Amino acid sequence: MTANFQIIDKEEVGSLSFPNQEVLGDAHQILQRKTYLERALTLGNLEHLKMKIYWSQK
């Protein structure tokens, strides 16, 4: 499987469409995602770095 990523500027995120329902089926995965996002936010603010977020489209 080859991953093809497209760079999206932060100004374009508002024009994207996301599902209205949860995409993760397991409560542990949902909590893990929240933990990862909070950690990325903390590290980004602490180090003044830009974070990359990868979305999977199915």
PDB file of N, CA and C in Angstrom:
ATOM      1  N   MET A   1       0.848  -1.186   0.000  1.00  0.00           N
ATOM      2  CA  MET A   1       0.000   0.000   0.000  1.00  0.00           C
ATOM      3  C   MET A   1       0.887   1.240   0.000  1.00  0.00           C
ATOM      4  N   THR A   2       0.627   2.138  -0.891  1.00  0.00           N
ATOM      5  CA  THR A   2       1.376   3.381  -0.994  1.00  0.00           C
ATOM      6  C   THR A   2       0.520   4.522  -0.464  1.00  0.00           C
ATOM      7  N   ALA A   3       1.098   5.324   0.417  1.00  0.00           N
ATOM      8  CA  ALA A   3       0.375   6.465   0.980  1.00  0.00           C
ATOM      9  C   ALA A   3       0.661   7.695   0.137  1.00  0.00           C
ATOM     10  N   ASN A   4      -0.381   8.342  -0.307  1.00  0.00           N
ATOM     11  CA  ASN A   4      -0.266   9.602  -1.035  1.00  0.00           C
ATOM     12  C   ASN A   4      -0.873  10.686  -0.156  1.00  0.00           C
ATOM     13  N   PHE A   5      -0.030  11.599   0.303  1.00  0.00           N
ATOM     14  CA  PHE A   5      -0.505  12.655   1.178  1.00  0.00           C
ATOM     15  C   PHE A   5      -0.590  13.961   0.416  1.00  0.00           C
ATOM     16  N   GLN A   6      -1.595  14.733   0.753  1.00  0.00           N
ATOM     17  CA  GLN A   6      -1.806  16.037   0.146  1.00  0.00           C
ATOM     18  C   GLN A   6      -1.669  17.086   1.239  1.00  0.00           C
ATOM     19  N   ILE A   7      -0.848  18.076   1.019  1.00  0.00           N
ATOM     20  CA  ILE A   7      -0.673  19.146   1.995  1.00  0.00           C
ATOM     21  C   ILE A   7      -1.857  20.102   1.890  1.00  0.00           C
ATOM     22  N   ILE A   8      -2.461  20.383   3.037  1.00  0.00           N
ATOM     23  CA  ILE A   8      -3.611  21.289   3.098  1.00  0.00           C
ATOM     24  C   ILE A   8      -3.259  22.411   4.060  1.00  0.00           C
ATOM     25  N   ASP A   9      -3.341  23.640   3.587  1.00  0.00           N
ATOM     26  CA  ASP A   9      -3.069  24.787   4.446  1.00  0.00           C
ATOM     27  C   ASP A   9      -4.149  24.908   5.506  1.00  0.00           C
ATOM     28  N   LYS A  10      -3.770  25.465   6.658  1.00  0.00           N
ATOM     29  CA  LYS A  10      -4.720  25.566   7.768  1.00  0.00           C
ATOM     30  C   LYS A  10      -5.952  26.392   7.387  1.00  0.00           C
ATOM     31  N   GLU A  11      -5.795  27.318   6.459  1.00  0.00           N
ATOM     32  CA  GLU A  11      -6.938  28.129   6.025  1.00  0.00           C
ATOM     33  C   GLU A  11      -7.963  27.313   5.245  1.00  0.00           C
ATOM     34  N   GLU A  12      -7.552  26.183   4.701  1.00  0.00           N
ATOM     35  CA  GLU A  12      -8.442  25.338   3.909  1.00  0.00           C
ATOM     36  C   GLU A  12      -9.209  24.313   4.737  1.00  0.00           C
ATOM     37  N   VAL A  13      -8.801  24.095   5.971  1.00  0.00           N
ATOM     38  CA  VAL A  13      -9.417  23.062   6.799  1.00  0.00           C
ATOM     39  C   VAL A  13     -10.917  23.318   6.978  1.00  0.00           C
ATOM     40  N   GLY A  14     -11.313  24.564   7.085  1.00  0.00           N
ATOM     41  CA  GLY A  14     -12.723  24.903   7.263  1.00  0.00           C
ATOM     42  C   GLY A  14     -13.596  24.504   6.092  1.00  0.00           C
ATOM     43  N   SER A  15     -13.015  24.339   4.918  1.00  0.00           N
ATOM     44  CA  SER A  15     -13.800  23.972   3.742  1.00  0.00           C
ATOM     45  C   SER A  15     -13.886  22.456   3.544  1.00  0.00           C
ATOM     46  N   LEU A  16     -13.198  21.694   4.381  1.00  0.00           N
ATOM     47  CA  LEU A  16     -13.251  20.233   4.277  1.00  0.00           C
ATOM     48  C   LEU A  16     -14.517  19.706   4.930  1.00  0.00           C
ATOM     49  N   SER A  17     -14.952  18.546   4.506  1.00  0.00           N
ATOM     50  CA  SER A  17     -16.124  17.936   5.138  1.00  0.00           C
ATOM     51  C   SER A  17     -15.685  16.688   5.897  1.00  0.00           C
ATOM     52  N   PHE A  18     -16.215  16.545   7.086  1.00  0.00           N
ATOM     53  CA  PHE A  18     -15.884  15.437   7.970  1.00  0.00           C
ATOM     54  C   PHE A  18     -17.174  14.705   8.336  1.00  0.00           C
ATOM     55  N   PRO A  19     -17.092  13.420   8.660  1.00  0.00           N
ATOM     56  CA  PRO A  19     -18.286  12.667   9.027  1.00  0.00           C
ATOM     57  C   PRO A  19     -18.909  13.210  10.318  1.00  0.00           C
ATOM     58  N   ASN A  20     -20.213  13.121  10.402  1.00  0.00           N
ATOM     59  CA  ASN A  20     -20.929  13.562  11.602  1.00  0.00           C
ATOM     60  C   ASN A  20     -20.874  12.529  12.715  1.00  0.00           C
ATOM     61  N   GLN A  21     -20.572  11.303  12.373  1.00  0.00           N
ATOM     62  CA  GLN A  21     -20.533  10.249  13.388  1.00  0.00           C
ATOM     63  C   GLN A  21     -19.091   9.844  13.665  1.00  0.00           C
ATOM     64  N   GLU A  22     -18.887   9.222  14.786  1.00  0.00           N
ATOM     65  CA  GLU A  22     -17.563   8.772  15.203  1.00  0.00           C
ATOM     66  C   GLU A  22     -17.025   7.739  14.221  1.00  0.00           C
ATOM     67  N   VAL A  23     -15.768   7.857  13.859  1.00  0.00           N
ATOM     68  CA  VAL A  23     -15.166   6.926  12.907  1.00  0.00           C
ATOM     69  C   VAL A  23     -14.415   5.794  13.602  1.00  0.00           C
ATOM     70  N   LEU A  24     -14.118   5.969  14.876  1.00  0.00           N
ATOM     71  CA  LEU A  24     -13.477   4.905  15.640  1.00  0.00           C
ATOM     72  C   LEU A  24     -14.545   4.143  16.416  1.00  0.00           C
ATOM     73  N   GLY A  25     -14.456   2.830  16.391  1.00  0.00           N
ATOM     74  CA  GLY A  25     -15.491   2.016  17.027  1.00  0.00           C
ATOM     75  C   GLY A  25     -15.176   1.583  18.441  1.00  0.00           C
ATOM     76  N   ASP A  26     -13.946   1.763  18.859  1.00  0.00           N
ATOM     77  CA  ASP A  26     -13.510   1.278  20.153  1.00  0.00           C
ATOM     78  C   ASP A  26     -13.244   2.456  21.088  1.00  0.00           C
ATOM     79  N   ALA A  27     -13.757   2.376  22.316  1.00  0.00           N
ATOM     80  CA  ALA A  27     -13.592   3.465  23.276  1.00  0.00           C
ATOM     81  C   ALA A  27     -12.116   3.716  23.587  1.00  0.00           C
ATOM     82  N   HIS A  28     -11.322   2.666  23.606  1.00  0.00           N
ATOM     83  CA  HIS A  28      -9.886   2.812  23.863  1.00  0.00           C
ATOM     84  C   HIS A  28      -9.215   3.609  22.742  1.00  0.00           C
ATOM     85  N   GLN A  29      -9.580   3.355  21.503  1.00  0.00           N
ATOM     86  CA  GLN A  29      -9.019   4.086  20.364  1.00  0.00           C
ATOM     87  C   GLN A  29      -9.403   5.565  20.416  1.00  0.00           C
ATOM     88  N   ILE A  30     -10.626   5.845  20.826  1.00  0.00           N
ATOM     89  CA  ILE A  30     -11.093   7.228  20.933  1.00  0.00           C
ATOM     90  C   ILE A  30     -10.297   7.969  22.000  1.00  0.00           C
ATOM     91  N   LEU A  31     -10.089   7.325  23.150  1.00  0.00           N
ATOM     92  CA  LEU A  31      -9.307   7.930  24.223  1.00  0.00           C
ATOM     93  C   LEU A  31      -7.852   8.117  23.803  1.00  0.00           C
ATOM     94  N   GLN A  32      -7.306   7.141  23.095  1.00  0.00           N
ATOM     95  CA  GLN A  32      -5.926   7.226  22.628  1.00  0.00           C
ATOM     96  C   GLN A  32      -5.759   8.381  21.642  1.00  0.00           C
ATOM     97  N   ARG A  33      -6.724   8.554  20.735  1.00  0.00           N
ATOM     98  CA  ARG A  33      -6.673   9.670  19.788  1.00  0.00           C
ATOM     99  C   ARG A  33      -6.689  11.003  20.526  1.00  0.00           C
ATOM    100  N   LYS A  34      -7.560  11.117  21.525  1.00  0.00           N
ATOM    101  CA  LYS A  34      -7.648  12.356  22.317  1.00  0.00           C
ATOM    102  C   LYS A  34      -6.323  12.637  23.023  1.00  0.00           C
ATOM    103  N   THR A  35      -5.728  11.603  23.578  1.00  0.00           N
ATOM    104  CA  THR A  35      -4.441  11.742  24.266  1.00  0.00           C
ATOM    105  C   THR A  35      -3.357  12.206  23.301  1.00  0.00           C
ATOM    106  N   TYR A  36      -3.303  11.592  22.115  1.00  0.00           N
ATOM    107  CA  TYR A  36      -2.310  11.976  21.106  1.00  0.00           C
ATOM    108  C   TYR A  36      -2.491  13.426  20.665  1.00  0.00           C
ATOM    109  N   LEU A  37      -3.729  13.846  20.458  1.00  0.00           N
ATOM    110  CA  LEU A  37      -3.985  15.228  20.033  1.00  0.00           C
ATOM    111  C   LEU A  37      -3.613  16.232  21.116  1.00  0.00           C
ATOM    112  N   GLU A  38      -3.929  15.903  22.365  1.00  0.00           N
ATOM    113  CA  GLU A  38      -3.575  16.802  23.466  1.00  0.00           C
ATOM    114  C   GLU A  38      -2.059  16.892  23.621  1.00  0.00           C
ATOM    115  N   ARG A  39      -1.366  15.777  23.436  1.00  0.00           N
ATOM    116  CA  ARG A  39       0.099  15.772  23.529  1.00  0.00           C
ATOM    117  C   ARG A  39       0.708  16.607  22.397  1.00  0.00           C
ATOM    118  N   ALA A  40       0.174  16.457  21.191  1.00  0.00           N
ATOM    119  CA  ALA A  40       0.670  17.240  20.055  1.00  0.00           C
ATOM    120  C   ALA A  40       0.454  18.727  20.293  1.00  0.00           C
ATOM    121  N   LEU A  41      -0.695  19.085  20.831  1.00  0.00           N
ATOM    122  CA  LEU A  41      -0.992  20.483  21.128  1.00  0.00           C
ATOM    123  C   LEU A  41      -0.014  21.032  22.156  1.00  0.00           C
ATOM    124  N   THR A  42       0.225  20.265  23.226  1.00  0.00           N
ATOM    125  CA  THR A  42       1.153  20.690  24.269  1.00  0.00           C
ATOM    126  C   THR A  42       2.564  20.849  23.723  1.00  0.00           C
ATOM    127  N   LEU A  43       3.033  19.863  22.975  1.00  0.00           N
ATOM    128  CA  LEU A  43       4.384  19.934  22.409  1.00  0.00           C
ATOM    129  C   LEU A  43       4.511  21.080  21.412  1.00  0.00           C
ATOM    130  N   GLY A  44       3.498  21.279  20.608  1.00  0.00           N
ATOM    131  CA  GLY A  44       3.524  22.368  19.638  1.00  0.00           C
ATOM    132  C   GLY A  44       3.595  23.724  20.311  1.00  0.00           C
ATOM    133  N   ASN A  45       2.829  23.898  21.376  1.00  0.00           N
ATOM    134  CA  ASN A  45       2.842  25.171  22.105  1.00  0.00           C
ATOM    135  C   ASN A  45       4.154  25.363  22.861  1.00  0.00           C
ATOM    136  N   LEU A  46       4.665  24.290  23.420  1.00  0.00           N
ATOM    137  CA  LEU A  46       5.902  24.361  24.188  1.00  0.00           C
ATOM    138  C   LEU A  46       7.104  24.646  23.300  1.00  0.00           C
ATOM    139  N   GLU A  47       7.189  23.945  22.200  1.00  0.00           N
ATOM    140  CA  GLU A  47       8.345  24.060  21.314  1.00  0.00           C
ATOM    141  C   GLU A  47       8.136  25.046  20.162  1.00  0.00           C
ATOM    142  N   HIS A  48       6.936  25.594  20.051  1.00  0.00           N
ATOM    143  CA  HIS A  48       6.583  26.502  18.958  1.00  0.00           C
ATOM    144  C   HIS A  48       6.831  25.837  17.603  1.00  0.00           C
ATOM    145  N   LEU A  49       6.400  24.593  17.504  1.00  0.00           N
ATOM    146  CA  LEU A  49       6.552  23.817  16.272  1.00  0.00           C
ATOM    147  C   LEU A  49       5.215  23.653  15.586  1.00  0.00           C
ATOM    148  N   LYS A  50       5.259  23.437  14.302  1.00  0.00           N
ATOM    149  CA  LYS A  50       4.052  23.111  13.552  1.00  0.00           C
ATOM    150  C   LYS A  50       3.848  21.607  13.616  1.00  0.00           C
ATOM    151  N   MET A  51       2.620  21.189  13.841  1.00  0.00           N
ATOM    152  CA  MET A  51       2.303  19.767  13.904  1.00  0.00           C
ATOM    153  C   MET A  51       1.681  19.337  12.585  1.00  0.00           C
ATOM    154  N   LYS A  52       1.912  18.106  12.227  1.00  0.00           N
ATOM    155  CA  LYS A  52       1.297  17.529  11.032  1.00  0.00           C
ATOM    156  C   LYS A  52       0.226  16.549  11.473  1.00  0.00           C
ATOM    157  N   ILE A  53      -0.923  16.657  10.858  1.00  0.00           N
ATOM    158  CA  ILE A  53      -2.025  15.746  11.130  1.00  0.00           C
ATOM    159  C   ILE A  53      -2.327  15.001   9.846  1.00  0.00           C
ATOM    160  N   TYR A  54      -2.418  13.691   9.937  1.00  0.00           N
ATOM    161  CA  TYR A  54      -2.694  12.867   8.779  1.00  0.00           C
ATOM    162  C   TYR A  54      -4.099  12.287   8.912  1.00  0.00           C
ATOM    163  N   TRP A  55      -4.930  12.508   7.872  1.00  0.00           N
ATOM    164  CA  TRP A  55      -6.264  11.958   7.835  1.00  0.00           C
ATOM    165  C   TRP A  55      -6.290  10.807   6.856  1.00  0.00           C
ATOM    166  N   SER A  56      -7.099   9.832   7.166  1.00  0.00           N
ATOM    167  CA  SER A  56      -7.304   8.719   6.246  1.00  0.00           C
ATOM    168  C   SER A  56      -8.684   8.857   5.639  1.00  0.00           C
ATOM    169  N   GLN A  57      -8.758   8.754   4.352  1.00  0.00           N
ATOM    170  CA  GLN A  57     -10.036   8.887   3.663  1.00  0.00           C
ATOM    171  C   GLN A  57     -10.437   7.520   3.140  1.00  0.00           C
ATOM    172  N   LYS A  58     -11.617   7.083   3.500  1.00  0.00           N
ATOM    173  CA  LYS A  58     -12.096   5.772   3.045  1.00  0.00           C
ATOM    174  C   LYS A  58     -13.346   5.907   2.226  1.00  0.00           C
TER     175      LYS A  58
END
